């Protein structure tokens, strides 16, 4: 369930140096409204973290399921920290910002943002926004997995073809005979045919 997800909010420093800084005070209120909205909707907010060079380590320790980036108008630097922190283990990222300039949306989505929300932090909007972000992330993750599997299958097919050609050349076998020999070797050793094929190619290269 969505409410069981471990959520981390990444936000700028909530203690401005100048108490008269109206922009900073506005950001504080936005961030406060976001966190209250999460709690009111029953979400598991595990931490609020600053977007700094230590973010990757903190993310690795907390292992959140979803990251919410609460950024002011210029969100690029903060987004870069979040993307860097999730480069080895992708997670859905939701970006809340007060920047009405939509020219950055494409760039943010390409960087891994699942939802880009401009203003409007009403508590009633938070759950459907996170629902959509999770659904989109899971869909894209399935597409990435399918693409990786297809790439692996294509590479395996190419490796097997190279190994068959080696057997056909060195042992004067037909293509079916070469494949059947590799298949039996794979069964006897409890390996995949592609693994046997790669081993044969590696051994052949040693003797070149």
N, C-alpha and C. Protein backbone atom coordinates (compact mmCIF):
# COMPACT_ATOMS: atom_id res chain seq x y z
N UNK A 1 0.83 -1.20 0.00
CA UNK A 1 0.00 0.00 0.00
C UNK A 1 0.86 1.25 0.00
N UNK A 2 0.32 2.31 -0.62
CA UNK A 2 1.08 3.55 -0.74
C UNK A 2 1.45 4.12 0.62
N UNK A 3 0.52 4.01 1.60
CA UNK A 3 0.77 4.61 2.91
C UNK A 3 1.88 3.91 3.69
N UNK A 4 2.25 2.70 3.27
CA UNK A 4 3.31 1.98 3.97
C UNK A 4 4.70 2.33 3.42
N UNK A 5 4.74 3.10 2.35
CA UNK A 5 6.02 3.47 1.75
C UNK A 5 6.82 4.37 2.68
N UNK A 6 8.13 4.15 2.68
CA UNK A 6 9.03 5.02 3.44
C UNK A 6 9.36 6.24 2.56
N UNK A 7 8.98 7.42 3.02
CA UNK A 7 9.13 8.63 2.23
C UNK A 7 10.14 9.57 2.87
N UNK A 8 11.02 10.10 2.04
CA UNK A 8 11.98 11.12 2.47
C UNK A 8 11.69 12.40 1.72
N UNK A 9 11.63 13.51 2.44
CA UNK A 9 11.47 14.82 1.83
C UNK A 9 12.84 15.50 1.79
N UNK A 10 13.23 15.96 0.61
CA UNK A 10 14.48 16.70 0.46
C UNK A 10 14.12 18.16 0.27
N UNK A 11 14.58 19.00 1.18
CA UNK A 11 14.21 20.41 1.16
C UNK A 11 15.41 21.27 1.52
N UNK A 12 15.36 22.51 1.07
CA UNK A 12 16.41 23.47 1.42
C UNK A 12 16.41 23.72 2.92
N UNK A 13 17.49 24.32 3.41
CA UNK A 13 17.61 24.65 4.83
C UNK A 13 16.38 25.45 5.29
N UNK A 14 15.72 24.94 6.31
CA UNK A 14 14.49 25.59 6.78
C UNK A 14 14.75 26.66 7.83
N UNK A 15 16.01 26.98 8.07
CA UNK A 15 16.35 28.03 9.03
C UNK A 15 17.11 29.14 8.29
N UNK A 16 16.42 30.10 7.70
CA UNK A 16 17.08 31.14 6.90
C UNK A 16 17.96 32.03 7.77
N UNK A 17 19.05 32.49 7.19
CA UNK A 17 19.95 33.37 7.91
C UNK A 17 19.28 34.70 8.24
N UNK A 18 18.46 35.18 7.35
CA UNK A 18 17.77 36.46 7.54
C UNK A 18 16.29 36.20 7.85
N UNK A 19 15.83 36.44 9.07
CA UNK A 19 14.43 36.19 9.42
C UNK A 19 13.46 37.08 8.65
N UNK A 20 13.98 38.13 8.01
CA UNK A 20 13.13 39.03 7.23
C UNK A 20 13.07 38.64 5.76
N UNK A 21 13.71 37.54 5.41
CA UNK A 21 13.71 37.07 4.03
C UNK A 21 12.35 36.46 3.72
N UNK A 22 11.50 37.20 3.01
CA UNK A 22 10.14 36.74 2.75
C UNK A 22 10.11 35.50 1.86
N UNK A 23 11.02 35.42 0.89
CA UNK A 23 11.05 34.26 0.01
C UNK A 23 11.38 33.00 0.80
N UNK A 24 12.36 33.13 1.71
CA UNK A 24 12.73 31.98 2.53
C UNK A 24 11.58 31.58 3.45
N UNK A 25 10.90 32.54 4.01
CA UNK A 25 9.77 32.25 4.88
C UNK A 25 8.64 31.55 4.11
N UNK A 26 8.45 31.98 2.87
CA UNK A 26 7.43 31.34 2.03
C UNK A 26 7.78 29.88 1.77
N UNK A 27 9.07 29.62 1.50
CA UNK A 27 9.51 28.26 1.27
C UNK A 27 9.32 27.40 2.52
N UNK A 28 9.59 27.99 3.68
CA UNK A 28 9.41 27.26 4.93
C UNK A 28 7.94 26.85 5.10
N UNK A 29 7.03 27.78 4.81
CA UNK A 29 5.61 27.49 4.94
C UNK A 29 5.18 26.41 3.95
N UNK A 30 5.71 26.48 2.71
CA UNK A 30 5.39 25.46 1.70
C UNK A 30 5.86 24.09 2.17
N UNK A 31 7.09 24.04 2.65
CA UNK A 31 7.64 22.77 3.08
C UNK A 31 6.89 22.22 4.29
N UNK A 32 6.51 23.12 5.18
CA UNK A 32 5.73 22.71 6.36
C UNK A 32 4.37 22.16 5.94
N UNK A 33 3.74 22.84 4.98
CA UNK A 33 2.44 22.39 4.48
C UNK A 33 2.55 21.01 3.84
N UNK A 34 3.64 20.78 3.12
CA UNK A 34 3.85 19.48 2.47
C UNK A 34 3.97 18.38 3.52
N UNK A 35 4.80 18.61 4.53
CA UNK A 35 5.01 17.58 5.54
C UNK A 35 3.73 17.32 6.34
N UNK A 36 2.99 18.38 6.64
CA UNK A 36 1.72 18.21 7.35
C UNK A 36 0.74 17.42 6.48
N UNK A 37 0.72 17.73 5.19
CA UNK A 37 -0.16 17.01 4.27
C UNK A 37 0.17 15.54 4.21
N UNK A 38 1.45 15.20 4.21
CA UNK A 38 1.87 13.79 4.20
C UNK A 38 1.38 13.09 5.46
N UNK A 39 1.60 13.72 6.60
CA UNK A 39 1.21 13.11 7.87
C UNK A 39 -0.31 13.00 7.99
N UNK A 40 -1.03 14.02 7.53
CA UNK A 40 -2.49 13.98 7.59
C UNK A 40 -3.07 12.87 6.73
N UNK A 41 -2.36 12.54 5.66
CA UNK A 41 -2.81 11.46 4.78
C UNK A 41 -2.29 10.10 5.21
N UNK A 42 -1.62 10.06 6.36
CA UNK A 42 -1.16 8.79 6.91
C UNK A 42 0.10 8.24 6.30
N UNK A 43 0.88 9.09 5.63
CA UNK A 43 2.11 8.60 5.00
C UNK A 43 3.24 8.47 6.03
N UNK A 44 4.17 7.57 5.71
CA UNK A 44 5.30 7.29 6.60
C UNK A 44 6.47 8.19 6.21
N UNK A 45 6.52 9.38 6.78
CA UNK A 45 7.60 10.33 6.52
C UNK A 45 8.75 10.03 7.47
N UNK A 46 9.84 9.48 6.92
CA UNK A 46 10.92 9.02 7.79
C UNK A 46 11.97 10.10 8.06
N UNK A 47 12.09 11.10 7.17
CA UNK A 47 13.11 12.13 7.39
C UNK A 47 12.92 13.29 6.43
N UNK A 48 13.41 14.46 6.84
CA UNK A 48 13.55 15.61 5.95
C UNK A 48 15.03 15.92 5.86
N UNK A 49 15.58 15.90 4.64
CA UNK A 49 17.02 16.02 4.44
C UNK A 49 17.36 17.22 3.57
N UNK A 50 18.50 17.85 3.82
CA UNK A 50 18.95 18.95 2.95
C UNK A 50 19.59 18.38 1.67
N UNK A 51 19.47 19.09 0.55
CA UNK A 51 20.09 18.64 -0.70
C UNK A 51 21.57 19.02 -0.75
N UNK A 52 22.41 18.25 -0.08
CA UNK A 52 23.83 18.57 -0.03
C UNK A 52 24.65 17.36 -0.44
N UNK A 53 25.96 17.46 -0.31
CA UNK A 53 26.86 16.40 -0.77
C UNK A 53 26.74 15.13 0.06
N UNK A 54 26.09 15.21 1.21
CA UNK A 54 25.94 14.04 2.07
C UNK A 54 24.62 13.30 1.80
N UNK A 55 23.83 13.81 0.86
CA UNK A 55 22.51 13.24 0.63
C UNK A 55 22.58 11.78 0.21
N UNK A 56 23.53 11.43 -0.66
CA UNK A 56 23.63 10.05 -1.13
C UNK A 56 23.84 9.08 0.03
N UNK A 57 24.70 9.44 0.97
CA UNK A 57 24.96 8.58 2.13
C UNK A 57 23.71 8.45 2.99
N UNK A 58 23.00 9.55 3.17
CA UNK A 58 21.80 9.52 4.01
C UNK A 58 20.70 8.68 3.35
N UNK A 59 20.57 8.81 2.02
CA UNK A 59 19.59 8.02 1.30
C UNK A 59 19.93 6.54 1.41
N UNK A 60 21.21 6.21 1.29
CA UNK A 60 21.65 4.81 1.38
C UNK A 60 21.34 4.23 2.76
N UNK A 61 21.45 5.05 3.79
CA UNK A 61 21.17 4.58 5.15
C UNK A 61 19.68 4.41 5.39
N UNK A 62 18.88 5.34 4.91
CA UNK A 62 17.44 5.31 5.19
C UNK A 62 16.67 4.37 4.27
N UNK A 63 17.18 4.14 3.05
CA UNK A 63 16.53 3.27 2.07
C UNK A 63 15.04 3.62 1.88
N UNK A 64 14.74 4.86 1.49
CA UNK A 64 13.34 5.23 1.27
C UNK A 64 12.79 4.59 0.00
N UNK A 65 11.45 4.47 -0.06
CA UNK A 65 10.81 3.96 -1.26
C UNK A 65 10.48 5.06 -2.24
N UNK A 66 10.36 6.28 -1.75
CA UNK A 66 9.98 7.41 -2.59
C UNK A 66 10.62 8.68 -2.03
N UNK A 67 11.06 9.56 -2.94
CA UNK A 67 11.70 10.81 -2.54
C UNK A 67 10.89 11.98 -3.06
N UNK A 68 10.59 12.90 -2.16
CA UNK A 68 9.90 14.14 -2.54
C UNK A 68 10.89 15.28 -2.44
N UNK A 69 11.09 15.97 -3.54
CA UNK A 69 11.98 17.13 -3.57
C UNK A 69 11.13 18.39 -3.50
N UNK A 70 11.28 19.12 -2.41
CA UNK A 70 10.56 20.38 -2.23
C UNK A 70 11.56 21.51 -2.50
N UNK A 71 11.44 22.12 -3.66
CA UNK A 71 12.47 23.08 -4.10
C UNK A 71 11.87 24.44 -4.39
N UNK A 72 12.71 25.44 -4.23
CA UNK A 72 12.29 26.80 -4.59
C UNK A 72 12.42 26.98 -6.09
N UNK A 73 12.37 28.21 -6.56
CA UNK A 73 12.30 28.47 -7.99
C UNK A 73 13.43 27.80 -8.78
N UNK A 74 14.67 27.91 -8.32
CA UNK A 74 15.78 27.30 -9.03
C UNK A 74 16.05 25.93 -8.40
N UNK A 75 15.42 24.91 -8.95
CA UNK A 75 15.49 23.57 -8.36
C UNK A 75 16.61 22.72 -8.96
N UNK A 76 17.37 23.25 -9.92
CA UNK A 76 18.33 22.42 -10.66
C UNK A 76 19.39 21.82 -9.75
N UNK A 77 20.00 22.65 -8.89
CA UNK A 77 21.06 22.14 -8.03
C UNK A 77 20.54 21.06 -7.08
N UNK A 78 19.37 21.32 -6.48
CA UNK A 78 18.79 20.35 -5.56
C UNK A 78 18.46 19.05 -6.30
N UNK A 79 17.94 19.16 -7.51
CA UNK A 79 17.59 17.98 -8.30
C UNK A 79 18.84 17.17 -8.63
N UNK A 80 19.93 17.86 -8.96
CA UNK A 80 21.17 17.16 -9.26
C UNK A 80 21.65 16.32 -8.07
N UNK A 81 21.50 16.87 -6.86
CA UNK A 81 21.88 16.12 -5.66
C UNK A 81 21.02 14.87 -5.51
N UNK A 82 19.72 15.01 -5.76
CA UNK A 82 18.81 13.87 -5.61
C UNK A 82 19.09 12.81 -6.67
N UNK A 83 19.28 13.23 -7.91
CA UNK A 83 19.57 12.28 -8.99
C UNK A 83 20.88 11.56 -8.72
N UNK A 84 21.89 12.27 -8.25
CA UNK A 84 23.17 11.65 -7.92
C UNK A 84 23.00 10.64 -6.80
N UNK A 85 22.15 10.98 -5.82
CA UNK A 85 21.95 10.11 -4.65
C UNK A 85 21.21 8.83 -5.02
N UNK A 86 20.47 8.84 -6.14
CA UNK A 86 19.68 7.66 -6.53
C UNK A 86 20.21 7.01 -7.80
N UNK A 87 21.44 7.34 -8.20
CA UNK A 87 21.96 6.85 -9.47
C UNK A 87 22.15 5.33 -9.48
N UNK A 88 22.50 4.74 -8.33
CA UNK A 88 22.76 3.30 -8.28
C UNK A 88 21.51 2.50 -7.99
N UNK A 89 20.52 3.10 -7.39
CA UNK A 89 19.25 2.43 -7.08
C UNK A 89 18.13 3.43 -7.32
N UNK A 90 17.49 3.28 -8.48
CA UNK A 90 16.47 4.25 -8.87
C UNK A 90 15.27 4.19 -7.93
N UNK A 91 14.70 5.36 -7.67
CA UNK A 91 13.50 5.49 -6.86
C UNK A 91 12.61 6.55 -7.48
N UNK A 92 11.30 6.45 -7.27
CA UNK A 92 10.42 7.51 -7.78
C UNK A 92 10.73 8.84 -7.09
N UNK A 93 10.78 9.91 -7.87
CA UNK A 93 11.06 11.25 -7.37
C UNK A 93 9.89 12.15 -7.73
N UNK A 94 9.35 12.81 -6.73
CA UNK A 94 8.28 13.79 -6.95
C UNK A 94 8.84 15.17 -6.62
N UNK A 95 8.72 16.10 -7.56
CA UNK A 95 9.27 17.43 -7.37
C UNK A 95 8.14 18.44 -7.21
N UNK A 96 8.10 19.08 -6.03
CA UNK A 96 7.19 20.20 -5.78
C UNK A 96 7.99 21.49 -5.90
N UNK A 97 7.49 22.44 -6.67
CA UNK A 97 8.21 23.69 -6.85
C UNK A 97 7.23 24.84 -7.03
N UNK A 98 7.72 26.05 -6.79
CA UNK A 98 6.88 27.23 -7.04
C UNK A 98 7.26 27.90 -8.36
N UNK A 99 8.09 27.21 -9.15
CA UNK A 99 8.56 27.77 -10.41
C UNK A 99 7.52 27.52 -11.49
N UNK A 100 6.91 28.58 -12.00
CA UNK A 100 5.89 28.44 -13.04
C UNK A 100 6.48 28.30 -14.44
N UNK A 101 7.81 28.37 -14.55
CA UNK A 101 8.47 28.20 -15.84
C UNK A 101 8.49 26.71 -16.19
N UNK A 102 7.66 26.30 -17.13
CA UNK A 102 7.53 24.88 -17.48
C UNK A 102 8.63 24.38 -18.41
N UNK A 103 9.57 25.24 -18.79
CA UNK A 103 10.61 24.82 -19.72
C UNK A 103 11.56 23.79 -19.12
N UNK A 104 11.54 23.67 -17.78
CA UNK A 104 12.45 22.73 -17.12
C UNK A 104 11.83 21.34 -16.93
N UNK A 105 10.55 21.18 -17.26
CA UNK A 105 9.87 19.92 -16.98
C UNK A 105 10.51 18.76 -17.74
N UNK A 106 10.75 18.97 -19.04
CA UNK A 106 11.36 17.90 -19.85
C UNK A 106 12.70 17.47 -19.30
N UNK A 107 13.50 18.44 -18.90
CA UNK A 107 14.81 18.15 -18.34
C UNK A 107 14.69 17.38 -17.02
N UNK A 108 13.72 17.77 -16.20
CA UNK A 108 13.52 17.09 -14.92
C UNK A 108 13.06 15.66 -15.12
N UNK A 109 12.12 15.44 -16.03
CA UNK A 109 11.63 14.09 -16.30
C UNK A 109 12.75 13.21 -16.85
N UNK A 110 13.58 13.77 -17.73
CA UNK A 110 14.71 13.02 -18.27
C UNK A 110 15.70 12.64 -17.18
N UNK A 111 15.77 13.46 -16.13
CA UNK A 111 16.69 13.19 -15.03
C UNK A 111 16.14 12.15 -14.06
N UNK A 112 14.86 11.79 -14.22
CA UNK A 112 14.30 10.75 -13.36
C UNK A 112 13.13 11.16 -12.51
N UNK A 113 12.61 12.38 -12.70
CA UNK A 113 11.47 12.84 -11.92
C UNK A 113 10.19 12.18 -12.43
N UNK A 114 9.43 11.56 -11.52
CA UNK A 114 8.20 10.88 -11.90
C UNK A 114 7.00 11.82 -11.94
N UNK A 115 7.05 12.88 -11.14
CA UNK A 115 5.95 13.87 -11.13
C UNK A 115 6.54 15.24 -10.85
N UNK A 116 6.13 16.24 -11.63
CA UNK A 116 6.62 17.61 -11.51
C UNK A 116 5.42 18.48 -11.19
N UNK A 117 5.33 18.95 -9.96
CA UNK A 117 4.14 19.66 -9.50
C UNK A 117 4.48 21.12 -9.22
N UNK A 118 3.78 22.01 -9.89
CA UNK A 118 3.99 23.45 -9.70
C UNK A 118 2.94 23.98 -8.73
N UNK A 119 3.42 24.42 -7.55
CA UNK A 119 2.55 25.00 -6.51
C UNK A 119 1.43 24.04 -6.14
N UNK A 120 0.46 24.53 -5.42
CA UNK A 120 -0.71 23.73 -5.09
C UNK A 120 -0.41 22.59 -4.15
N UNK A 121 -0.10 22.87 -2.88
CA UNK A 121 0.22 21.82 -1.93
C UNK A 121 -0.96 21.51 -1.01
N UNK A 122 -2.17 21.59 -1.52
CA UNK A 122 -3.34 21.26 -0.71
C UNK A 122 -3.23 19.79 -0.30
N UNK A 123 -3.47 19.48 0.98
CA UNK A 123 -3.36 18.09 1.45
C UNK A 123 -4.15 17.10 0.61
N UNK A 124 -5.29 17.52 0.11
CA UNK A 124 -6.14 16.61 -0.68
C UNK A 124 -5.50 16.21 -2.00
N UNK A 125 -4.50 16.97 -2.46
CA UNK A 125 -3.85 16.67 -3.74
C UNK A 125 -2.68 15.70 -3.59
N UNK A 126 -2.16 15.57 -2.39
CA UNK A 126 -0.91 14.83 -2.22
C UNK A 126 -1.06 13.36 -2.56
N UNK A 127 -2.09 12.69 -2.04
CA UNK A 127 -2.23 11.26 -2.29
C UNK A 127 -2.38 10.93 -3.77
N UNK A 128 -3.29 11.59 -4.52
CA UNK A 128 -3.38 11.26 -5.95
C UNK A 128 -2.09 11.55 -6.71
N UNK A 129 -1.37 12.59 -6.30
CA UNK A 129 -0.09 12.90 -6.96
C UNK A 129 0.90 11.77 -6.75
N UNK A 130 1.00 11.28 -5.52
CA UNK A 130 1.93 10.19 -5.24
C UNK A 130 1.48 8.89 -5.88
N UNK A 131 0.16 8.68 -5.96
CA UNK A 131 -0.37 7.49 -6.66
C UNK A 131 0.12 7.47 -8.10
N UNK A 132 -0.04 8.60 -8.77
CA UNK A 132 0.36 8.69 -10.19
C UNK A 132 1.88 8.52 -10.33
N UNK A 133 2.62 9.14 -9.43
CA UNK A 133 4.09 9.06 -9.50
C UNK A 133 4.56 7.61 -9.34
N UNK A 134 3.99 6.89 -8.39
CA UNK A 134 4.38 5.50 -8.19
C UNK A 134 4.00 4.64 -9.39
N UNK A 135 2.81 4.85 -9.92
CA UNK A 135 2.36 4.07 -11.08
C UNK A 135 3.26 4.33 -12.29
N UNK A 136 3.60 5.59 -12.49
CA UNK A 136 4.47 5.92 -13.62
C UNK A 136 5.86 5.31 -13.44
N UNK A 137 6.40 5.40 -12.22
CA UNK A 137 7.73 4.85 -11.96
C UNK A 137 7.73 3.33 -12.19
N UNK A 138 6.71 2.64 -11.69
CA UNK A 138 6.65 1.18 -11.85
C UNK A 138 6.51 0.80 -13.31
N UNK A 139 5.72 1.58 -14.07
CA UNK A 139 5.58 1.32 -15.51
C UNK A 139 6.92 1.49 -16.23
N UNK A 140 7.61 2.58 -15.93
CA UNK A 140 8.90 2.83 -16.57
C UNK A 140 9.93 1.78 -16.15
N UNK A 141 9.85 1.33 -14.88
CA UNK A 141 10.77 0.31 -14.42
C UNK A 141 10.55 -1.00 -15.17
N UNK A 142 9.29 -1.35 -15.44
CA UNK A 142 9.00 -2.55 -16.22
C UNK A 142 9.56 -2.43 -17.63
N UNK A 143 9.41 -1.24 -18.22
CA UNK A 143 9.96 -1.03 -19.57
C UNK A 143 11.48 -1.16 -19.57
N UNK A 144 12.14 -0.61 -18.53
CA UNK A 144 13.60 -0.73 -18.44
C UNK A 144 14.02 -2.19 -18.28
N UNK A 145 13.27 -2.93 -17.46
CA UNK A 145 13.60 -4.34 -17.26
C UNK A 145 13.42 -5.13 -18.55
N UNK A 146 12.33 -4.86 -19.27
CA UNK A 146 12.09 -5.55 -20.53
C UNK A 146 13.17 -5.23 -21.55
N UNK A 147 13.59 -3.97 -21.58
CA UNK A 147 14.65 -3.57 -22.51
C UNK A 147 15.96 -4.26 -22.15
N UNK A 148 16.27 -4.33 -20.85
CA UNK A 148 17.50 -4.99 -20.40
C UNK A 148 17.46 -6.47 -20.75
N UNK A 149 16.29 -7.11 -20.57
CA UNK A 149 16.17 -8.52 -20.90
C UNK A 149 16.33 -8.77 -22.39
N UNK A 150 15.73 -7.88 -23.18
CA UNK A 150 15.86 -8.01 -24.64
C UNK A 150 17.31 -7.84 -25.08
N UNK A 151 17.99 -6.88 -24.45
CA UNK A 151 19.40 -6.65 -24.78
C UNK A 151 20.25 -7.86 -24.41
N UNK A 152 19.97 -8.43 -23.23
CA UNK A 152 20.71 -9.61 -22.79
C UNK A 152 20.46 -10.79 -23.72
N UNK A 153 19.19 -10.96 -24.12
CA UNK A 153 18.85 -12.06 -25.02
C UNK A 153 19.56 -11.90 -26.36
N UNK A 154 19.62 -10.68 -26.86
CA UNK A 154 20.29 -10.43 -28.13
C UNK A 154 21.79 -10.71 -28.02
N UNK A 155 22.39 -10.28 -26.91
CA UNK A 155 23.81 -10.54 -26.69
C UNK A 155 24.08 -12.04 -26.58
N UNK A 156 23.19 -12.74 -25.88
CA UNK A 156 23.36 -14.20 -25.73
C UNK A 156 23.26 -14.90 -27.08
N UNK A 157 22.32 -14.45 -27.89
CA UNK A 157 22.16 -15.04 -29.22
C UNK A 157 23.42 -14.84 -30.06
N UNK A 158 24.00 -13.66 -29.97
CA UNK A 158 25.21 -13.38 -30.73
C UNK A 158 26.38 -14.22 -30.25
N UNK A 159 26.49 -14.38 -28.91
CA UNK A 159 27.57 -15.18 -28.34
C UNK A 159 27.44 -16.64 -28.76
N UNK A 160 26.20 -17.17 -28.72
CA UNK A 160 25.97 -18.55 -29.12
C UNK A 160 26.31 -18.75 -30.60
N UNK A 161 25.97 -17.78 -31.42
CA UNK A 161 26.28 -17.88 -32.86
C UNK A 161 27.78 -17.92 -33.09
N UNK A 162 28.53 -17.09 -32.34
CA UNK A 162 29.98 -17.09 -32.48
C UNK A 162 30.58 -18.43 -32.06
N UNK A 163 30.05 -18.98 -30.96
CA UNK A 163 30.57 -20.26 -30.47
C UNK A 163 30.24 -21.38 -31.44
N UNK A 164 29.05 -21.37 -32.00
CA UNK A 164 28.69 -22.38 -33.00
C UNK A 164 29.64 -22.32 -34.19
N UNK A 165 29.94 -21.10 -34.62
CA UNK A 165 30.85 -20.95 -35.76
C UNK A 165 32.23 -21.53 -35.45
N UNK A 166 32.69 -21.35 -34.21
CA UNK A 166 33.98 -21.91 -33.80
C UNK A 166 33.96 -23.44 -33.87
N UNK A 167 32.91 -24.05 -33.32
CA UNK A 167 32.80 -25.51 -33.34
C UNK A 167 32.69 -26.03 -34.77
N UNK A 168 31.91 -25.35 -35.58
CA UNK A 168 31.74 -25.78 -36.97
C UNK A 168 33.06 -25.74 -37.72
N UNK A 169 33.87 -24.73 -37.42
CA UNK A 169 35.16 -24.57 -38.10
C UNK A 169 36.20 -25.56 -37.59
N UNK A 170 36.30 -25.70 -36.26
CA UNK A 170 37.37 -26.49 -35.68
C UNK A 170 37.06 -27.98 -35.65
N UNK A 171 35.78 -28.36 -35.57
CA UNK A 171 35.43 -29.76 -35.46
C UNK A 171 34.61 -30.26 -36.65
N UNK A 172 34.49 -29.42 -37.66
CA UNK A 172 33.80 -29.80 -38.90
C UNK A 172 32.38 -30.28 -38.62
N UNK A 173 31.65 -29.51 -37.84
CA UNK A 173 30.29 -29.86 -37.48
C UNK A 173 29.29 -29.02 -38.26
N UNK A 174 28.09 -29.54 -38.40
CA UNK A 174 27.01 -28.72 -38.96
C UNK A 174 26.50 -27.79 -37.85
N UNK A 175 25.70 -26.81 -38.24
CA UNK A 175 25.18 -25.88 -37.23
C UNK A 175 24.33 -26.59 -36.18
N UNK A 176 23.40 -27.49 -36.59
CA UNK A 176 22.62 -28.21 -35.57
C UNK A 176 23.51 -29.06 -34.65
N UNK A 177 24.54 -29.69 -35.22
CA UNK A 177 25.43 -30.51 -34.41
C UNK A 177 26.20 -29.66 -33.39
N UNK A 178 26.65 -28.50 -33.84
CA UNK A 178 27.39 -27.60 -32.95
C UNK A 178 26.49 -27.13 -31.81
N UNK A 179 25.26 -26.78 -32.13
CA UNK A 179 24.34 -26.31 -31.09
C UNK A 179 24.02 -27.44 -30.12
N UNK A 180 23.79 -28.65 -30.65
CA UNK A 180 23.46 -29.78 -29.78
C UNK A 180 24.62 -30.11 -28.85
N UNK A 181 25.84 -29.95 -29.33
CA UNK A 181 27.00 -30.21 -28.48
C UNK A 181 27.06 -29.20 -27.34
N UNK A 182 26.83 -27.95 -27.66
CA UNK A 182 26.82 -26.93 -26.60
C UNK A 182 25.68 -27.16 -25.62
N UNK A 183 24.54 -27.59 -26.13
CA UNK A 183 23.38 -27.84 -25.27
C UNK A 183 23.68 -28.96 -24.27
N UNK A 184 24.32 -30.02 -24.74
CA UNK A 184 24.66 -31.14 -23.85
C UNK A 184 25.70 -30.72 -22.82
N UNK A 185 26.68 -29.91 -23.25
CA UNK A 185 27.69 -29.43 -22.32
C UNK A 185 27.05 -28.57 -21.23
N UNK A 186 26.09 -27.74 -21.63
CA UNK A 186 25.41 -26.87 -20.66
C UNK A 186 24.60 -27.71 -19.66
N UNK A 187 23.93 -28.75 -20.15
CA UNK A 187 23.14 -29.61 -19.27
C UNK A 187 24.03 -30.35 -18.29
N UNK A 188 25.16 -30.87 -18.78
CA UNK A 188 26.07 -31.63 -17.93
C UNK A 188 26.69 -30.76 -16.83
N UNK A 189 26.94 -29.51 -17.15
CA UNK A 189 27.58 -28.61 -16.19
C UNK A 189 26.58 -27.76 -15.40
N UNK A 190 25.29 -27.88 -15.73
CA UNK A 190 24.29 -27.08 -15.05
C UNK A 190 24.40 -25.60 -15.34
N UNK A 191 24.79 -25.26 -16.56
CA UNK A 191 24.97 -23.87 -16.95
C UNK A 191 24.04 -23.52 -18.11
N UNK A 192 23.94 -22.25 -18.40
CA UNK A 192 23.21 -21.80 -19.58
C UNK A 192 24.08 -21.99 -20.81
N UNK A 193 23.41 -22.18 -21.94
CA UNK A 193 24.15 -22.36 -23.19
C UNK A 193 25.01 -21.12 -23.48
N UNK A 194 24.49 -19.95 -23.17
CA UNK A 194 25.24 -18.72 -23.41
C UNK A 194 26.53 -18.69 -22.58
N UNK A 195 26.49 -19.25 -21.36
CA UNK A 195 27.69 -19.29 -20.51
C UNK A 195 28.73 -20.23 -21.11
N UNK A 196 28.26 -21.38 -21.61
CA UNK A 196 29.18 -22.32 -22.27
C UNK A 196 29.78 -21.67 -23.51
N UNK A 197 28.94 -20.98 -24.27
CA UNK A 197 29.40 -20.33 -25.50
C UNK A 197 30.46 -19.27 -25.19
N UNK A 198 30.21 -18.46 -24.14
CA UNK A 198 31.17 -17.42 -23.76
C UNK A 198 32.49 -18.04 -23.34
N UNK A 199 32.43 -19.14 -22.59
CA UNK A 199 33.65 -19.82 -22.16
C UNK A 199 34.45 -20.32 -23.36
N UNK A 200 33.75 -20.86 -24.34
CA UNK A 200 34.44 -21.36 -25.55
C UNK A 200 35.11 -20.22 -26.30
N UNK A 201 34.42 -19.07 -26.38
CA UNK A 201 34.99 -17.92 -27.08
C UNK A 201 36.22 -17.40 -26.33
N UNK A 202 36.11 -17.35 -25.00
CA UNK A 202 37.24 -16.89 -24.19
C UNK A 202 38.45 -17.80 -24.36
N UNK A 203 38.21 -19.11 -24.37
CA UNK A 203 39.32 -20.07 -24.53
C UNK A 203 39.94 -19.94 -25.92
N UNK A 204 39.11 -19.74 -26.93
CA UNK A 204 39.62 -19.60 -28.29
C UNK A 204 40.49 -18.36 -28.42
N UNK A 205 40.11 -17.28 -27.72
CA UNK A 205 40.89 -16.05 -27.80
C UNK A 205 42.25 -16.20 -27.13
N UNK A 206 42.33 -17.09 -26.13
CA UNK A 206 43.62 -17.32 -25.46
C UNK A 206 44.64 -17.94 -26.39
N UNK A 207 44.14 -18.67 -27.38
CA UNK A 207 45.06 -19.39 -28.27
C UNK A 207 45.27 -18.68 -29.60
N UNK A 208 44.73 -17.47 -29.70
CA UNK A 208 44.94 -16.70 -30.95
C UNK A 208 46.36 -16.19 -31.02
